[in-house]
Protein backbone atom coordinates (compact mmCIF):
# COMPACT_ATOMS: atom_id res chain seq x y z
CA MET A 1 18.63 1.34 -12.96
CA LEU A 2 20.68 -0.15 -15.73
CA LEU A 3 21.43 2.33 -18.50
CA GLY A 4 19.57 1.49 -21.65
CA LYS A 5 17.34 -1.03 -19.86
CA LYS A 6 13.73 0.05 -20.22
CA ARG A 7 11.71 -0.56 -17.08
CA LYS A 8 7.96 -0.87 -17.08
CA ILE A 9 6.15 2.00 -15.42
CA GLY A 10 2.52 2.27 -14.41
CA ARG A 11 -0.26 4.03 -16.20
CA MET A 12 -0.19 7.73 -16.93
CA ILE A 13 -2.92 9.93 -15.46
CA GLU A 14 -4.62 10.21 -18.87
CA GLU A 15 -5.12 6.43 -18.86
CA ILE A 16 -6.89 6.30 -15.47
CA SER A 17 -10.66 6.69 -15.02
CA VAL A 18 -12.99 7.24 -12.10
CA GLY A 19 -14.62 3.94 -11.16
CA GLU A 20 -11.63 1.68 -11.86
CA LYS A 21 -11.34 -1.10 -9.29
CA LEU A 22 -8.73 -3.49 -7.99
CA GLU A 23 -9.03 -6.43 -5.58
CA VAL A 24 -6.04 -7.75 -3.60
CA THR A 25 -5.89 -10.62 -1.10
CA GLU A 26 -2.96 -10.96 1.31
CA LYS A 27 -2.09 -13.03 4.35
CA ILE A 28 0.43 -11.95 7.00
CA ASP A 29 2.41 -14.83 8.44
CA ASP A 30 5.26 -15.15 10.95
CA ARG A 31 7.94 -14.34 8.38
CA GLU A 32 6.45 -10.93 7.51
CA LEU A 33 5.77 -10.12 11.16
CA LEU A 34 9.32 -10.96 12.22
CA LEU A 35 10.82 -8.99 9.33
CA TYR A 36 8.74 -5.93 10.22
CA LEU A 37 9.52 -6.19 13.93
CA GLY A 38 13.23 -6.61 13.22
CA ILE A 39 13.44 -3.69 10.77
CA SER A 40 11.32 -1.32 12.86
CA ASN A 41 12.68 -2.38 16.26
CA ASP A 42 9.06 -2.34 17.41
CA ASN A 43 8.78 -4.58 20.47
CA ASN A 44 5.15 -3.94 21.34
CA PRO A 45 4.04 -7.05 23.30
CA LEU A 46 0.58 -6.75 21.73
CA PHE A 47 2.10 -7.85 18.42
CA ILE A 48 4.00 -10.97 19.52
CA GLN A 49 3.41 -12.02 23.13
CA HIS A 50 0.48 -14.38 23.51
CA ASP A 51 0.54 -14.21 27.32
CA TYR A 52 0.31 -10.39 27.30
CA ALA A 53 -2.27 -10.20 24.49
CA SER A 54 -4.48 -12.76 26.28
CA LEU A 55 -4.90 -10.24 29.12
CA THR A 56 -6.17 -7.51 26.76
CA PRO A 57 -9.55 -7.10 25.02
CA PHE A 58 -7.84 -8.42 21.83
CA LYS A 59 -7.28 -11.86 23.49
CA LYS A 60 -4.42 -12.73 21.09
CA PRO A 61 -1.58 -10.92 19.27
CA ILE A 62 -2.56 -8.54 16.48
CA VAL A 63 -0.85 -7.45 13.28
CA PRO A 64 0.78 -3.99 13.47
CA GLN A 65 -1.42 -1.51 11.63
CA ILE A 66 1.55 -0.16 9.67
CA MET A 67 1.79 -3.57 7.97
CA LEU A 68 -1.71 -3.06 6.56
CA LEU A 69 -0.55 0.24 5.12
CA ALA A 70 2.39 -1.57 3.55
CA ILE A 71 -0.02 -3.89 1.72
CA VAL A 72 -1.97 -0.88 0.43
CA SER A 73 1.18 0.97 -0.58
CA GLY A 74 2.49 -2.12 -2.36
CA ALA A 75 -0.73 -2.56 -4.34
CA ILE A 76 -0.66 1.10 -5.39
CA SER A 77 2.99 0.79 -6.43
CA LYS A 78 2.47 -2.48 -8.29
CA TYR A 79 -0.99 -2.11 -9.84
CA LEU A 80 -3.00 1.09 -9.43
CA PRO A 81 -1.57 3.19 -10.96
CA GLY A 82 1.61 1.08 -10.79
CA PRO A 83 5.39 1.49 -10.87
CA GLY A 84 6.56 5.10 -10.72
CA SER A 85 3.60 6.27 -8.62
CA SER A 86 3.86 7.93 -5.23
CA ILE A 87 1.43 8.36 -2.33
CA LYS A 88 1.11 12.04 -1.44
CA LYS A 89 -1.53 11.87 1.29
CA GLN A 90 -3.42 9.21 3.22
CA GLU A 91 -6.34 9.30 5.59
CA VAL A 92 -6.97 5.93 7.22
CA THR A 93 -8.90 4.38 10.06
CA PHE A 94 -8.30 0.92 11.50
CA ASP A 95 -11.78 -0.30 12.43
CA ASN A 96 -11.03 -3.78 13.78
CA PRO A 97 -7.87 -5.66 14.73
CA VAL A 98 -6.19 -8.07 12.34
CA TYR A 99 -4.95 -11.30 13.87
CA HIS A 100 -1.97 -13.32 12.73
CA TYR A 101 -2.59 -15.60 9.70
CA GLU A 102 -5.88 -13.94 8.68
CA ALA A 103 -6.54 -13.58 4.97
CA LEU A 104 -7.29 -9.95 4.17
CA HIS A 105 -9.24 -8.68 1.19
CA PHE A 106 -8.58 -5.15 -0.03
CA GLY A 107 -10.81 -3.30 -2.46
CA PHE A 108 -9.44 -0.26 -4.28
CA GLU A 109 -11.51 2.21 -6.31
CA VAL A 110 -10.47 5.36 -8.14
CA ILE A 111 -12.90 8.05 -6.95
CA ASP A 112 -11.25 11.14 -8.47
CA VAL A 113 -8.82 11.99 -11.26
CA ASN A 114 -7.34 15.51 -11.07
CA GLN A 115 -5.19 16.06 -14.15
CA ASP A 116 -4.42 19.69 -13.21
CA ASP A 117 -2.73 18.62 -9.96
CA HIS A 118 -1.53 15.29 -11.45
CA VAL A 119 -3.15 13.19 -8.70
CA ILE A 120 -5.81 10.55 -8.34
CA THR A 121 -7.78 9.67 -5.20
CA VAL A 122 -8.17 5.99 -4.38
CA LYS A 123 -10.67 4.73 -1.82
CA VAL A 124 -9.51 1.58 -0.04
CA GLU A 125 -11.42 -0.86 2.15
CA GLY A 126 -9.76 -3.82 3.83
CA LYS A 127 -11.81 -6.66 5.27
CA ASN A 128 -10.92 -9.79 7.20
CA GLU A 129 -12.12 -13.33 6.47
CA GLU A 130 -15.40 -12.65 8.31
CA GLY A 131 -16.07 -9.57 6.18
CA LYS A 132 -15.40 -7.14 9.03
CA LEU A 133 -13.86 -3.82 8.02
CA VAL A 134 -10.26 -3.59 9.26
CA LEU A 135 -9.01 -0.62 7.19
CA ASN A 136 -10.90 2.23 5.58
CA GLY A 137 -9.21 5.11 3.84
CA GLU A 138 -8.49 7.44 0.98
CA PHE A 139 -5.11 7.82 -0.68
CA VAL A 140 -4.07 10.73 -2.88
CA VAL A 141 -1.62 9.28 -5.39
CA CYS A 142 0.67 10.88 -7.95
CA PRO A 143 0.73 8.57 -11.00
CA PRO A 144 4.02 8.12 -12.84
CA TYR A 145 5.24 10.86 -15.11
CA PRO A 146 6.33 10.07 -18.66
CA THR A 147 10.02 9.25 -18.76
CA LYS A 148 12.46 11.13 -20.92
CA SER A 149 14.95 9.41 -23.16
CA LEU A 150 18.57 9.58 -22.02
CA THR A 151 19.72 9.77 -25.61
CA LYS A 152 17.62 12.88 -26.36
CA THR A 153 18.83 14.89 -23.38
CA THR A 154 22.07 16.08 -21.93
CA ALA A 155 21.74 13.83 -18.89
CA PHE A 156 25.48 13.37 -18.56
CA GLU A 157 26.54 17.01 -18.77
CA ASN A 158 27.25 17.10 -15.02
CA PHE A 159 29.80 14.27 -15.22
């Protein structure tokens, strides 16, 4: 962070209501798959080898499930509740495989706001182009906390 540069943060817990919704559409292409596989060192043949995948019930390579979680995490961090938020707990099922190049539609809904514990619960459903459920889950999220001004504190007393 640059000193003195104010960065936008997401909404405070007081600004969030049960029933709020968000829709996100994403597509995973070769670039994202190769970046994930390179960073994670995950060489599961089910994710990239057409000859192997053709011998399985999937028939063709699938997208790693962790990449679906990355889409959900990104949407929470960017939009609901936004920058400064943190996922504390997740409970997710992966109901159907996601194949390379499929467009995915994610629906988010705030189903609980707990101001005492400073968390919200967000229900998430991900569906493929055919409308089949591919991800179903609940995420307990800590919205951003109000920031404190550096000029009103003794932030530099340890230097």
